Amino acid sequence: MLCSALASRADLPVKGWALMSRQEIHPDEFDEVGELLRWLAARVHPTHLREDGAVGIGFLRFHEEEVPAVLRVESGQVGWPA
């Protein structure tokens, strides 16, 4: 883990937690990371659900890319960028 922070949202109108993590992962590890993303997506507050039922769960940026791609979990599947 390069860095990670967990912050309580107890003092905000929508209670809960916010998690930020920065990690370098190899595509061979995407299955394991996908398990965590699916677990987190199943527990998000309803305000994080998009109209199509998907959850924007984070971002992925390959080292050669300048702009990160949005990671989505939809119907229990992680939408990994191509």
Protein backbone atom coordinates (compact mmCIF):
# COMPACT_ATOMS: atom_id res chain seq x y z
CA MET A 1 0.00 0.00 0.00
CA LEU A 2 1.48 3.33 -1.00
CA CYS A 3 -0.99 5.28 1.12
CA SER A 4 -4.46 4.97 2.55
CA ALA A 5 -6.82 7.09 4.61
CA LEU A 6 -10.14 6.28 6.25
CA ALA A 7 -12.24 9.24 7.37
CA SER A 8 -15.42 9.25 9.42
CA ARG A 9 -18.38 11.16 8.02
CA ALA A 10 -20.16 11.18 11.40
CA ASP A 11 -20.39 14.97 11.44
CA LEU A 12 -21.99 15.19 7.96
CA PRO A 13 -25.68 14.82 6.97
CA VAL A 14 -24.94 11.45 5.32
CA LYS A 15 -23.14 9.32 7.91
CA GLY A 16 -20.56 6.69 7.11
CA TRP A 17 -16.95 6.48 6.04
CA ALA A 18 -14.81 7.67 3.16
CA LEU A 19 -11.83 5.56 2.04
CA MET A 20 -8.98 6.74 -0.16
CA SER A 21 -6.19 4.36 -1.16
CA ARG A 22 -3.38 4.59 -3.63
CA GLN A 23 -1.87 1.29 -4.63
CA GLU A 24 0.28 -0.02 -7.42
CA ILE A 25 -1.19 -3.28 -8.69
CA HIS A 26 -0.36 -5.60 -11.54
CA PRO A 27 -3.17 -6.67 -13.88
CA ASP A 28 -2.64 -10.26 -12.64
CA GLU A 29 -4.00 -9.05 -9.28
CA PHE A 30 -7.19 -7.50 -10.68
CA ASP A 31 -9.32 -10.48 -9.59
CA GLU A 32 -8.37 -10.00 -5.94
CA VAL A 33 -8.84 -6.23 -6.12
CA GLY A 34 -12.17 -6.82 -7.90
CA GLU A 35 -13.39 -8.82 -4.89
CA LEU A 36 -12.72 -5.84 -2.64
CA LEU A 37 -14.34 -3.38 -5.07
CA ARG A 38 -17.48 -5.54 -5.35
CA TRP A 39 -17.64 -5.83 -1.55
CA LEU A 40 -17.32 -2.05 -1.15
CA ALA A 41 -19.86 -1.33 -3.91
CA ALA A 42 -22.45 -3.52 -2.18
CA ARG A 43 -22.17 -1.27 0.88
CA VAL A 44 -22.24 2.24 -0.59
CA HIS A 45 -24.84 4.77 0.43
CA PRO A 46 -27.73 4.98 -2.09
CA THR A 47 -26.62 8.50 -3.04
CA HIS A 48 -23.59 6.90 -4.76
CA LEU A 49 -25.73 4.77 -7.09
CA ARG A 50 -25.92 6.05 -10.63
CA GLU A 51 -29.16 6.07 -12.58
CA ASP A 52 -28.20 2.78 -14.27
CA GLY A 53 -27.54 1.12 -10.88
CA ALA A 54 -23.76 1.19 -11.27
CA VAL A 55 -21.40 2.45 -8.59
CA GLY A 56 -18.41 4.62 -9.46
CA ILE A 57 -15.94 3.00 -7.10
CA GLY A 58 -12.66 4.68 -7.97
CA PHE A 59 -10.13 5.29 -10.68
CA LEU A 60 -7.42 3.30 -12.43
CA ARG A 61 -4.50 4.82 -14.25
CA PHE A 62 -1.86 2.77 -15.98
CA HIS A 63 1.60 4.31 -15.67
CA GLU A 64 1.71 5.27 -19.35
CA GLU A 65 -1.67 7.04 -19.22
CA GLU A 66 -2.07 10.67 -18.22
CA VAL A 67 -5.79 10.53 -17.43
CA PRO A 68 -7.32 7.96 -15.06
CA ALA A 69 -10.32 5.84 -16.08
CA VAL A 70 -13.36 5.47 -13.82
CA LEU A 71 -13.82 2.07 -12.19
CA ARG A 72 -17.45 1.00 -12.07
CA VAL A 73 -19.17 -1.91 -10.42
CA GLU A 74 -22.39 -2.87 -12.16
CA SER A 75 -24.47 -5.98 -11.51
CA GLY A 76 -21.65 -7.39 -9.38
CA GLN A 77 -19.01 -6.99 -12.11
CA VAL A 78 -16.09 -4.57 -12.15
CA GLY A 79 -15.79 -2.61 -15.39
CA TRP A 80 -12.02 -2.67 -15.85
CA PRO A 81 -10.69 -0.19 -18.44
CA ALA A 82 -9.42 -1.76 -21.65
